[in-house]
mmCIF file of all heavy atoms, coordinates in Angstrom:
data_MODEL
# 
_entry.id   MODEL 
# 
loop_
_atom_site.group_PDB 
_atom_site.id 
_atom_site.type_symbol 
_atom_site.label_atom_id 
_atom_site.label_alt_id 
_atom_site.label_comp_id 
_atom_site.label_asym_id 
_atom_site.label_entity_id 
_atom_site.label_seq_id 
_atom_site.pdbx_PDB_ins_code 
_atom_site.Cartn_x 
_atom_site.Cartn_y 
_atom_site.Cartn_z 
_atom_site.occupancy 
_atom_site.B_iso_or_equiv 
_atom_site.pdbx_formal_charge 
_atom_site.auth_seq_id 
_atom_site.auth_comp_id 
_atom_site.auth_asym_id 
_atom_site.auth_atom_id 
_atom_site.pdbx_PDB_model_num 
ATOM 1   N N   . ALA A 1 1  ? 190.064 49.744 60.759 1.00 0.00 ? 1  ALA A N   1 
ATOM 2   C CA  . ALA A 1 1  ? 188.954 50.614 60.407 1.00 0.00 ? 1  ALA A CA  1 
ATOM 3   C C   . ALA A 1 1  ? 189.253 52.009 60.950 1.00 0.00 ? 1  ALA A C   1 
ATOM 4   O O   . ALA A 1 1  ? 189.879 52.146 62.009 1.00 0.00 ? 1  ALA A O   1 
ATOM 5   C CB  . ALA A 1 1  ? 187.657 50.085 61.011 1.00 0.00 ? 1  ALA A CB  1 
ATOM 6   N N   . ASP A 1 2  ? 188.820 53.017 60.236 1.00 0.00 ? 2  ASP A N   1 
ATOM 7   C CA  . ASP A 1 2  ? 189.098 54.394 60.650 1.00 0.00 ? 2  ASP A CA  1 
ATOM 8   C C   . ASP A 1 2  ? 188.601 54.668 62.068 1.00 0.00 ? 2  ASP A C   1 
ATOM 9   O O   . ASP A 1 2  ? 189.224 55.422 62.821 1.00 0.00 ? 2  ASP A O   1 
ATOM 10  C CB  . ASP A 1 2  ? 188.455 55.375 59.679 1.00 0.00 ? 2  ASP A CB  1 
ATOM 11  C CG  . ASP A 1 2  ? 189.167 55.414 58.340 1.00 0.00 ? 2  ASP A CG  1 
ATOM 12  O OD1 . ASP A 1 2  ? 190.328 54.956 58.259 1.00 0.00 ? 2  ASP A OD1 1 
ATOM 13  O OD2 . ASP A 1 2  ? 188.563 55.909 57.367 1.00 0.00 ? 2  ASP A OD2 1 
ATOM 14  N N   . SER A 1 3  ? 187.506 54.049 62.432 1.00 0.00 ? 3  SER A N   1 
ATOM 15  C CA  . SER A 1 3  ? 186.885 54.321 63.729 1.00 0.00 ? 3  SER A CA  1 
ATOM 16  C C   . SER A 1 3  ? 187.707 53.827 64.915 1.00 0.00 ? 3  SER A C   1 
ATOM 17  O O   . SER A 1 3  ? 187.461 54.245 66.048 1.00 0.00 ? 3  SER A O   1 
ATOM 18  C CB  . SER A 1 3  ? 185.487 53.701 63.782 1.00 0.00 ? 3  SER A CB  1 
ATOM 19  O OG  . SER A 1 3  ? 185.567 52.303 63.583 1.00 0.00 ? 3  SER A OG  1 
ATOM 20  N N   . VAL A 1 4  ? 188.667 52.933 64.670 1.00 0.00 ? 4  VAL A N   1 
ATOM 21  C CA  . VAL A 1 4  ? 189.444 52.383 65.786 1.00 0.00 ? 4  VAL A CA  1 
ATOM 22  C C   . VAL A 1 4  ? 190.934 52.693 65.689 1.00 0.00 ? 4  VAL A C   1 
ATOM 23  O O   . VAL A 1 4  ? 191.704 52.340 66.575 1.00 0.00 ? 4  VAL A O   1 
ATOM 24  C CB  . VAL A 1 4  ? 189.239 50.855 65.909 1.00 0.00 ? 4  VAL A CB  1 
ATOM 25  C CG1 . VAL A 1 4  ? 187.763 50.515 66.005 1.00 0.00 ? 4  VAL A CG1 1 
ATOM 26  C CG2 . VAL A 1 4  ? 189.901 50.114 64.755 1.00 0.00 ? 4  VAL A CG2 1 
ATOM 27  N N   . LYS A 1 5  ? 191.342 53.343 64.624 1.00 0.00 ? 5  LYS A N   1 
ATOM 28  C CA  . LYS A 1 5  ? 192.764 53.657 64.454 1.00 0.00 ? 5  LYS A CA  1 
ATOM 29  C C   . LYS A 1 5  ? 193.291 54.463 65.637 1.00 0.00 ? 5  LYS A C   1 
ATOM 30  O O   . LYS A 1 5  ? 192.664 55.409 66.090 1.00 0.00 ? 5  LYS A O   1 
ATOM 31  C CB  . LYS A 1 5  ? 192.973 54.452 63.166 1.00 0.00 ? 5  LYS A CB  1 
ATOM 32  C CG  . LYS A 1 5  ? 193.013 53.609 61.914 1.00 0.00 ? 5  LYS A CG  1 
ATOM 33  C CD  . LYS A 1 5  ? 193.262 54.460 60.671 1.00 0.00 ? 5  LYS A CD  1 
ATOM 34  C CE  . LYS A 1 5  ? 193.264 53.593 59.421 1.00 0.00 ? 5  LYS A CE  1 
ATOM 35  N NZ  . LYS A 1 5  ? 193.415 54.418 58.190 1.00 0.00 ? 5  LYS A NZ  1 
ATOM 36  N N   . GLY A 1 6  ? 194.452 54.049 66.115 1.00 0.00 ? 6  GLY A N   1 
ATOM 37  C CA  . GLY A 1 6  ? 195.059 54.734 67.252 1.00 0.00 ? 6  GLY A CA  1 
ATOM 38  C C   . GLY A 1 6  ? 194.550 54.267 68.599 1.00 0.00 ? 6  GLY A C   1 
ATOM 39  O O   . GLY A 1 6  ? 195.102 54.646 69.634 1.00 0.00 ? 6  GLY A O   1 
ATOM 40  N N   . ARG A 1 7  ? 193.511 53.453 68.600 1.00 0.00 ? 7  ARG A N   1 
ATOM 41  C CA  . ARG A 1 7  ? 192.935 52.976 69.872 1.00 0.00 ? 7  ARG A CA  1 
ATOM 42  C C   . ARG A 1 7  ? 193.037 51.454 70.015 1.00 0.00 ? 7  ARG A C   1 
ATOM 43  O O   . ARG A 1 7  ? 193.182 50.952 71.122 1.00 0.00 ? 7  ARG A O   1 
ATOM 44  C CB  . ARG A 1 7  ? 191.466 53.382 69.980 1.00 0.00 ? 7  ARG A CB  1 
ATOM 45  C CG  . ARG A 1 7  ? 191.237 54.881 69.928 1.00 0.00 ? 7  ARG A CG  1 
ATOM 46  C CD  . ARG A 1 7  ? 189.789 55.245 70.240 1.00 0.00 ? 7  ARG A CD  1 
ATOM 47  N NE  . ARG A 1 7  ? 188.846 54.680 69.288 1.00 0.00 ? 7  ARG A NE  1 
ATOM 48  C CZ  . ARG A 1 7  ? 187.873 53.833 69.612 1.00 0.00 ? 7  ARG A CZ  1 
ATOM 49  N NH1 . ARG A 1 7  ? 187.713 53.447 70.868 1.00 0.00 ? 7  ARG A NH1 1 
ATOM 50  N NH2 . ARG A 1 7  ? 187.050 53.371 68.686 1.00 0.00 ? 7  ARG A NH2 1 
ATOM 51  N N   . PHE A 1 8  ? 192.942 50.748 68.899 1.00 0.00 ? 8  PHE A N   1 
ATOM 52  C CA  . PHE A 1 8  ? 192.978 49.291 68.922 1.00 0.00 ? 8  PHE A CA  1 
ATOM 53  C C   . PHE A 1 8  ? 194.290 48.801 68.306 1.00 0.00 ? 8  PHE A C   1 
ATOM 54  O O   . PHE A 1 8  ? 194.818 49.419 67.379 1.00 0.00 ? 8  PHE A O   1 
ATOM 55  C CB  . PHE A 1 8  ? 191.822 48.701 68.118 1.00 0.00 ? 8  PHE A CB  1 
ATOM 56  C CG  . PHE A 1 8  ? 190.460 48.874 68.740 1.00 0.00 ? 8  PHE A CG  1 
ATOM 57  C CD1 . PHE A 1 8  ? 190.239 49.712 69.821 1.00 0.00 ? 8  PHE A CD1 1 
ATOM 58  C CD2 . PHE A 1 8  ? 189.375 48.185 68.212 1.00 0.00 ? 8  PHE A CD2 1 
ATOM 59  C CE1 . PHE A 1 8  ? 188.985 49.867 70.380 1.00 0.00 ? 8  PHE A CE1 1 
ATOM 60  C CE2 . PHE A 1 8  ? 188.109 48.326 68.759 1.00 0.00 ? 8  PHE A CE2 1 
ATOM 61  C CZ  . PHE A 1 8  ? 187.915 49.172 69.837 1.00 0.00 ? 8  PHE A CZ  1 
ATOM 62  N N   . THR A 1 9  ? 194.760 47.662 68.801 1.00 0.00 ? 9  THR A N   1 
ATOM 63  C CA  . THR A 1 9  ? 195.962 47.039 68.252 1.00 0.00 ? 9  THR A CA  1 
ATOM 64  C C   . THR A 1 9  ? 195.713 45.548 68.080 1.00 0.00 ? 9  THR A C   1 
ATOM 65  O O   . THR A 1 9  ? 195.371 44.854 69.039 1.00 0.00 ? 9  THR A O   1 
ATOM 66  C CB  . THR A 1 9  ? 197.169 47.247 69.172 1.00 0.00 ? 9  THR A CB  1 
ATOM 67  O OG1 . THR A 1 9  ? 197.400 48.643 69.369 1.00 0.00 ? 9  THR A OG1 1 
ATOM 68  C CG2 . THR A 1 9  ? 198.416 46.618 68.553 1.00 0.00 ? 9  THR A CG2 1 
ATOM 69  N N   . ILE A 1 10 ? 195.896 45.070 66.858 1.00 0.00 ? 10 ILE A N   1 
ATOM 70  C CA  . ILE A 1 10 ? 195.758 43.649 66.577 1.00 0.00 ? 10 ILE A CA  1 
ATOM 71  C C   . ILE A 1 10 ? 197.138 43.017 66.559 1.00 0.00 ? 10 ILE A C   1 
ATOM 72  O O   . ILE A 1 10 ? 198.112 43.630 66.119 1.00 0.00 ? 10 ILE A O   1 
ATOM 73  C CB  . ILE A 1 10 ? 195.026 43.408 65.230 1.00 0.00 ? 10 ILE A CB  1 
ATOM 74  C CG1 . ILE A 1 10 ? 194.734 41.926 65.025 1.00 0.00 ? 10 ILE A CG1 1 
ATOM 75  C CG2 . ILE A 1 10 ? 195.804 43.992 64.065 1.00 0.00 ? 10 ILE A CG2 1 
ATOM 76  C CD1 . ILE A 1 10 ? 193.832 41.635 63.826 1.00 0.00 ? 10 ILE A CD1 1 
ATOM 77  N N   . SER A 1 11 ? 197.213 41.798 67.063 1.00 0.00 ? 11 SER A N   1 
ATOM 78  C CA  . SER A 1 11 ? 198.480 41.072 67.038 1.00 0.00 ? 11 SER A CA  1 
ATOM 79  C C   . SER A 1 11 ? 198.179 39.585 66.901 1.00 0.00 ? 11 SER A C   1 
ATOM 80  O O   . SER A 1 11 ? 197.046 39.156 67.104 1.00 0.00 ? 11 SER A O   1 
ATOM 81  C CB  . SER A 1 11 ? 199.297 41.346 68.307 1.00 0.00 ? 11 SER A CB  1 
ATOM 82  O OG  . SER A 1 11 ? 198.596 40.929 69.464 1.00 0.00 ? 11 SER A OG  1 
ATOM 83  N N   . ARG A 1 12 ? 199.203 38.826 66.560 1.00 0.00 ? 12 ARG A N   1 
ATOM 84  C CA  . ARG A 1 12 ? 199.006 37.386 66.436 1.00 0.00 ? 12 ARG A CA  1 
ATOM 85  C C   . ARG A 1 12 ? 200.231 36.664 66.959 1.00 0.00 ? 12 ARG A C   1 
ATOM 86  O O   . ARG A 1 12 ? 201.357 37.137 66.801 1.00 0.00 ? 12 ARG A O   1 
ATOM 87  C CB  . ARG A 1 12 ? 198.703 36.979 64.990 1.00 0.00 ? 12 ARG A CB  1 
ATOM 88  C CG  . ARG A 1 12 ? 199.793 37.240 64.000 1.00 0.00 ? 12 ARG A CG  1 
ATOM 89  C CD  . ARG A 1 12 ? 199.308 37.069 62.558 1.00 0.00 ? 12 ARG A CD  1 
ATOM 90  N NE  . ARG A 1 12 ? 199.193 35.662 62.169 1.00 0.00 ? 12 ARG A NE  1 
ATOM 91  C CZ  . ARG A 1 12 ? 198.668 35.261 61.010 1.00 0.00 ? 12 ARG A CZ  1 
ATOM 92  N NH1 . ARG A 1 12 ? 198.203 36.158 60.152 1.00 0.00 ? 12 ARG A NH1 1 
ATOM 93  N NH2 . ARG A 1 12 ? 198.602 33.966 60.711 1.00 0.00 ? 12 ARG A NH2 1 
ATOM 94  N N   . ASP A 1 13 ? 199.991 35.527 67.578 1.00 0.00 ? 13 ASP A N   1 
ATOM 95  C CA  . ASP A 1 13 ? 201.056 34.654 68.049 1.00 0.00 ? 13 ASP A CA  1 
ATOM 96  C C   . ASP A 1 13 ? 200.897 33.340 67.294 1.00 0.00 ? 13 ASP A C   1 
ATOM 97  O O   . ASP A 1 13 ? 200.075 32.494 67.661 1.00 0.00 ? 13 ASP A O   1 
ATOM 98  C CB  . ASP A 1 13 ? 200.945 34.444 69.562 1.00 0.00 ? 13 ASP A CB  1 
ATOM 99  C CG  . ASP A 1 13 ? 202.129 33.670 70.132 1.00 0.00 ? 13 ASP A CG  1 
ATOM 100 O OD1 . ASP A 1 13 ? 202.728 32.869 69.386 1.00 0.00 ? 13 ASP A OD1 1 
ATOM 101 O OD2 . ASP A 1 13 ? 202.430 33.860 71.320 1.00 0.00 ? 13 ASP A OD2 1 
ATOM 102 N N   . ASN A 1 14 ? 201.652 33.174 66.236 1.00 0.00 ? 14 ASN A N   1 
ATOM 103 C CA  . ASN A 1 14 ? 201.502 32.004 65.387 1.00 0.00 ? 14 ASN A CA  1 
ATOM 104 C C   . ASN A 1 14 ? 201.842 30.713 66.128 1.00 0.00 ? 14 ASN A C   1 
ATOM 105 O O   . ASN A 1 14 ? 201.282 29.662 65.849 1.00 0.00 ? 14 ASN A O   1 
ATOM 106 C CB  . ASN A 1 14 ? 202.359 32.150 64.134 1.00 0.00 ? 14 ASN A CB  1 
ATOM 107 C CG  . ASN A 1 14 ? 201.865 33.265 63.236 1.00 0.00 ? 14 ASN A CG  1 
ATOM 108 O OD1 . ASN A 1 14 ? 200.662 33.493 63.102 1.00 0.00 ? 14 ASN A OD1 1 
ATOM 109 N ND2 . ASN A 1 14 ? 202.794 33.993 62.628 1.00 0.00 ? 14 ASN A ND2 1 
ATOM 110 N N   . ALA A 1 15 ? 202.744 30.802 67.082 1.00 0.00 ? 15 ALA A N   1 
ATOM 111 C CA  . ALA A 1 15 ? 203.127 29.611 67.840 1.00 0.00 ? 15 ALA A CA  1 
ATOM 112 C C   . ALA A 1 15 ? 201.990 29.120 68.733 1.00 0.00 ? 15 ALA A C   1 
ATOM 113 O O   . ALA A 1 15 ? 201.877 27.929 69.013 1.00 0.00 ? 15 ALA A O   1 
ATOM 114 C CB  . ALA A 1 15 ? 204.361 29.903 68.681 1.00 0.00 ? 15 ALA A CB  1 
ATOM 115 N N   . LYS A 1 16 ? 201.157 30.056 69.166 1.00 0.00 ? 16 LYS A N   1 
ATOM 116 C CA  . LYS A 1 16 ? 200.031 29.717 70.036 1.00 0.00 ? 16 LYS A CA  1 
ATOM 117 C C   . LYS A 1 16 ? 198.712 29.650 69.273 1.00 0.00 ? 16 LYS A C   1 
ATOM 118 O O   . LYS A 1 16 ? 197.657 29.443 69.878 1.00 0.00 ? 16 LYS A O   1 
ATOM 119 C CB  . LYS A 1 16 ? 199.910 30.727 71.173 1.00 0.00 ? 16 LYS A CB  1 
ATOM 120 C CG  . LYS A 1 16 ? 201.082 30.715 72.141 1.00 0.00 ? 16 LYS A CG  1 
ATOM 121 C CD  . LYS A 1 16 ? 200.868 31.698 73.277 1.00 0.00 ? 16 LYS A CD  1 
ATOM 122 C CE  . LYS A 1 16 ? 202.015 31.646 74.276 1.00 0.00 ? 16 LYS A CE  1 
ATOM 123 N NZ  . LYS A 1 16 ? 201.822 32.607 75.393 1.00 0.00 ? 16 LYS A NZ  1 
ATOM 124 N N   . ASN A 1 17 ? 198.776 29.857 67.970 1.00 0.00 ? 17 ASN A N   1 
ATOM 125 C CA  . ASN A 1 17 ? 197.564 29.836 67.132 1.00 0.00 ? 17 ASN A CA  1 
ATOM 126 C C   . ASN A 1 17 ? 196.514 30.795 67.682 1.00 0.00 ? 17 ASN A C   1 
ATOM 127 O O   . ASN A 1 17 ? 195.317 30.477 67.723 1.00 0.00 ? 17 ASN A O   1 
ATOM 128 C CB  . ASN A 1 17 ? 196.982 28.418 67.056 1.00 0.00 ? 17 ASN A CB  1 
ATOM 129 C CG  . ASN A 1 17 ? 197.976 27.427 66.497 1.00 0.00 ? 17 ASN A CG  1 
ATOM 130 O OD1 . ASN A 1 17 ? 198.794 27.781 65.647 1.00 0.00 ? 17 ASN A OD1 1 
ATOM 131 N ND2 . ASN A 1 17 ? 197.924 26.204 66.974 1.00 0.00 ? 17 ASN A ND2 1 
ATOM 132 N N   . THR A 1 18 ? 196.940 31.970 68.061 1.00 0.00 ? 18 THR A N   1 
ATOM 133 C CA  . THR A 1 18 ? 196.052 32.927 68.717 1.00 0.00 ? 18 THR A CA  1 
ATOM 134 C C   . THR A 1 18 ? 196.227 34.321 68.119 1.00 0.00 ? 18 THR A C   1 
ATOM 135 O O   . THR A 1 18 ? 197.336 34.730 67.787 1.00 0.00 ? 18 THR A O   1 
ATOM 136 C CB  . THR A 1 18 ? 196.341 32.981 70.233 1.00 0.00 ? 18 THR A CB  1 
ATOM 137 O OG1 . THR A 1 18 ? 196.178 31.672 70.781 1.00 0.00 ? 18 THR A OG1 1 
ATOM 138 C CG2 . THR A 1 18 ? 195.367 33.926 70.940 1.00 0.00 ? 18 THR A CG2 1 
ATOM 139 N N   . VAL A 1 19 ? 195.097 34.995 68.001 1.00 0.00 ? 19 VAL A N   1 
ATOM 140 C CA  . VAL A 1 19 ? 195.074 36.379 67.544 1.00 0.00 ? 19 VAL A CA  1 
ATOM 141 C C   . VAL A 1 19 ? 194.477 37.225 68.660 1.00 0.00 ? 19 VAL A C   1 
ATOM 142 O O   . VAL A 1 19 ? 193.515 36.804 69.308 1.00 0.00 ? 19 VAL A O   1 
ATOM 143 C CB  . VAL A 1 19 ? 194.248 36.531 66.256 1.00 0.00 ? 19 VAL A CB  1 
ATOM 144 C CG1 . VAL A 1 19 ? 194.290 37.966 65.756 1.00 0.00 ? 19 VAL A CG1 1 
ATOM 145 C CG2 . VAL A 1 19 ? 194.753 35.574 65.180 1.00 0.00 ? 19 VAL A CG2 1 
ATOM 146 N N   . TYR A 1 20 ? 195.029 38.393 68.866 1.00 0.00 ? 20 TYR A N   1 
ATOM 147 C CA  . TYR A 1 20 ? 194.584 39.266 69.945 1.00 0.00 ? 20 TYR A CA  1 
ATOM 148 C C   . TYR A 1 20 ? 194.071 40.598 69.403 1.00 0.00 ? 20 TYR A C   1 
ATOM 149 O O   . TYR A 1 20 ? 194.451 41.032 68.319 1.00 0.00 ? 20 TYR A O   1 
ATOM 150 C CB  . TYR A 1 20 ? 195.736 39.547 70.917 1.00 0.00 ? 20 TYR A CB  1 
ATOM 151 C CG  . TYR A 1 20 ? 196.368 38.324 71.500 1.00 0.00 ? 20 TYR A CG  1 
ATOM 152 C CD1 . TYR A 1 20 ? 197.525 37.782 70.952 1.00 0.00 ? 20 TYR A CD1 1 
ATOM 153 C CD2 . TYR A 1 20 ? 195.814 37.694 72.612 1.00 0.00 ? 20 TYR A CD2 1 
ATOM 154 C CE1 . TYR A 1 20 ? 198.120 36.651 71.492 1.00 0.00 ? 20 TYR A CE1 1 
ATOM 155 C CE2 . TYR A 1 20 ? 196.400 36.564 73.159 1.00 0.00 ? 20 TYR A CE2 1 
ATOM 156 C CZ  . TYR A 1 20 ? 197.549 36.051 72.593 1.00 0.00 ? 20 TYR A CZ  1 
ATOM 157 O OH  . TYR A 1 20 ? 198.128 34.920 73.133 1.00 0.00 ? 20 TYR A OH  1 
ATOM 158 N N   . LEU A 1 21 ? 193.232 41.229 70.203 1.00 0.00 ? 21 LEU A N   1 
ATOM 159 C CA  . LEU A 1 21 ? 192.813 42.600 69.907 1.00 0.00 ? 21 LEU A CA  1 
ATOM 160 C C   . LEU A 1 21 ? 192.874 43.378 71.216 1.00 0.00 ? 21 LEU A C   1 
ATOM 161 O O   . LEU A 1 21 ? 192.073 43.151 72.119 1.00 0.00 ? 21 LEU A O   1 
ATOM 162 C CB  . LEU A 1 21 ? 191.396 42.648 69.324 1.00 0.00 ? 21 LEU A CB  1 
ATOM 163 C CG  . LEU A 1 21 ? 190.950 44.035 68.864 1.00 0.00 ? 21 LEU A CG  1 
ATOM 164 C CD1 . LEU A 1 21 ? 191.765 44.492 67.646 1.00 0.00 ? 21 LEU A CD1 1 
ATOM 165 C CD2 . LEU A 1 21 ? 189.454 44.047 68.527 1.00 0.00 ? 21 LEU A CD2 1 
ATOM 166 N N   . GLN A 1 22 ? 193.841 44.263 71.308 1.00 0.00 ? 22 GLN A N   1 
ATOM 167 C CA  . GLN A 1 22 ? 193.968 45.141 72.465 1.00 0.00 ? 22 GLN A CA  1 
ATOM 168 C C   . GLN A 1 22 ? 193.188 46.415 72.184 1.00 0.00 ? 22 GLN A C   1 
ATOM 169 O O   . GLN A 1 22 ? 193.458 47.099 71.195 1.00 0.00 ? 22 GLN A O   1 
ATOM 170 C CB  . GLN A 1 22 ? 195.429 45.471 72.742 1.00 0.00 ? 22 GLN A CB  1 
ATOM 171 C CG  . GLN A 1 22 ? 195.632 46.433 73.905 1.00 0.00 ? 22 GLN A CG  1 
ATOM 172 C CD  . GLN A 1 22 ? 195.247 45.819 75.240 1.00 0.00 ? 22 GLN A CD  1 
ATOM 173 O OE1 . GLN A 1 22 ? 195.652 44.714 75.562 1.00 0.00 ? 22 GLN A OE1 1 
ATOM 174 N NE2 . GLN A 1 22 ? 194.474 46.560 76.027 1.00 0.00 ? 22 GLN A NE2 1 
ATOM 175 N N   . MET A 1 23 ? 192.225 46.703 73.035 1.00 0.00 ? 23 MET A N   1 
ATOM 176 C CA  . MET A 1 23 ? 191.354 47.860 72.826 1.00 0.00 ? 23 MET A CA  1 
ATOM 177 C C   . MET A 1 23 ? 191.557 48.858 73.963 1.00 0.00 ? 23 MET A C   1 
ATOM 178 O O   . MET A 1 23 ? 191.484 48.481 75.138 1.00 0.00 ? 23 MET A O   1 
ATOM 179 C CB  . MET A 1 23 ? 189.891 47.410 72.777 1.00 0.00 ? 23 MET A CB  1 
ATOM 180 C CG  . MET A 1 23 ? 189.622 46.345 71.728 1.00 0.00 ? 23 MET A CG  1 
ATOM 181 S SD  . MET A 1 23 ? 187.888 45.889 71.605 1.00 0.00 ? 23 MET A SD  1 
ATOM 182 C CE  . MET A 1 23 ? 187.648 45.122 73.202 1.00 0.00 ? 23 MET A CE  1 
ATOM 183 N N   . SER A 1 24 ? 191.796 50.092 73.604 1.00 0.00 ? 24 SER A N   1 
ATOM 184 C CA  . SER A 1 24 ? 192.006 51.153 74.590 1.00 0.00 ? 24 SER A CA  1 
ATOM 185 C C   . SER A 1 24 ? 191.110 52.332 74.244 1.00 0.00 ? 24 SER A C   1 
ATOM 186 O O   . SER A 1 24 ? 190.577 52.416 73.139 1.00 0.00 ? 24 SER A O   1 
ATOM 187 C CB  . SER A 1 24 ? 193.471 51.582 74.598 1.00 0.00 ? 24 SER A CB  1 
ATOM 188 O OG  . SER A 1 24 ? 194.326 50.504 74.869 1.00 0.00 ? 24 SER A OG  1 
ATOM 189 N N   . SER A 1 25 ? 190.982 53.233 75.197 1.00 0.00 ? 25 SER A N   1 
ATOM 190 C CA  . SER A 1 25 ? 190.146 54.426 75.003 1.00 0.00 ? 25 SER A CA  1 
ATOM 191 C C   . SER A 1 25 ? 188.781 54.049 74.442 1.00 0.00 ? 25 SER A C   1 
ATOM 192 O O   . SER A 1 25 ? 188.290 54.667 73.480 1.00 0.00 ? 25 SER A O   1 
ATOM 193 C CB  . SER A 1 25 ? 190.856 55.420 74.069 1.00 0.00 ? 25 SER A CB  1 
ATOM 194 O OG  . SER A 1 25 ? 192.099 55.805 74.580 1.00 0.00 ? 25 SER A OG  1 
ATOM 195 N N   . LEU A 1 26 ? 188.202 53.060 75.036 1.00 0.00 ? 26 LEU A N   1 
ATOM 196 C CA  . LEU A 1 26 ? 186.932 52.528 74.526 1.00 0.00 ? 26 LEU A CA  1 
ATOM 197 C C   . LEU A 1 26 ? 185.813 53.557 74.624 1.00 0.00 ? 26 LEU A C   1 
ATOM 198 O O   . LEU A 1 26 ? 185.762 54.359 75.575 1.00 0.00 ? 26 LEU A O   1 
ATOM 199 C CB  . LEU A 1 26 ? 186.562 51.256 75.272 1.00 0.00 ? 26 LEU A CB  1 
ATOM 200 C CG  . LEU A 1 26 ? 187.347 50.016 74.822 1.00 0.00 ? 26 LEU A CG  1 
ATOM 201 C CD1 . LEU A 1 26 ? 187.272 48.914 75.868 1.00 0.00 ? 26 LEU A CD1 1 
ATOM 202 C CD2 . LEU A 1 26 ? 186.825 49.517 73.487 1.00 0.00 ? 26 LEU A CD2 1 
ATOM 203 N N   . LYS A 1 27 ? 184.936 53.509 73.635 1.00 0.00 ? 27 LYS A N   1 
ATOM 204 C CA  . LYS A 1 27 ? 183.802 54.421 73.547 1.00 0.00 ? 27 LYS A CA  1 
ATOM 205 C C   . LYS A 1 27 ? 182.507 53.609 73.559 1.00 0.00 ? 27 LYS A C   1 
ATOM 206 O O   . LYS A 1 27 ? 182.498 52.435 73.164 1.00 0.00 ? 27 LYS A O   1 
ATOM 207 C CB  . LYS A 1 27 ? 183.882 55.224 72.259 1.00 0.00 ? 27 LYS A CB  1 
ATOM 208 C CG  . LYS A 1 27 ? 185.176 55.996 72.067 1.00 0.00 ? 27 LYS A CG  1 
ATOM 209 C CD  . LYS A 1 27 ? 185.201 56.674 70.702 1.00 0.00 ? 27 LYS A CD  1 
ATOM 210 C CE  . LYS A 1 27 ? 186.493 57.439 70.481 1.00 0.00 ? 27 LYS A CE  1 
ATOM 211 N NZ  . LYS A 1 27 ? 186.529 58.100 69.143 1.00 0.00 ? 27 LYS A NZ  1 
ATOM 212 N N   . PRO A 1 28 ? 181.404 54.226 73.938 1.00 0.00 ? 28 PRO A N   1 
ATOM 213 C CA  . PRO A 1 28 ? 180.127 53.496 73.906 1.00 0.00 ? 28 PRO A CA  1 
ATOM 214 C C   . PRO A 1 28 ? 179.818 52.915 72.526 1.00 0.00 ? 28 PRO A C   1 
ATOM 215 O O   . PRO A 1 28 ? 179.227 51.826 72.430 1.00 0.00 ? 28 PRO A O   1 
ATOM 216 C CB  . PRO A 1 28 ? 179.119 54.579 74.300 1.00 0.00 ? 28 PRO A CB  1 
ATOM 217 C CG  . PRO A 1 28 ? 179.896 55.501 75.182 1.00 0.00 ? 28 PRO A CG  1 
ATOM 218 C CD  . PRO A 1 28 ? 181.267 55.546 74.569 1.00 0.00 ? 28 PRO A CD  1 
# 
């Protein structure tokens, strides 16, 4: 989403059946 570009990073580990969301520069 435009509102999170450059601040959030999504990743997935298929071997662990897990999806992650790394969030930085968080805003209210």
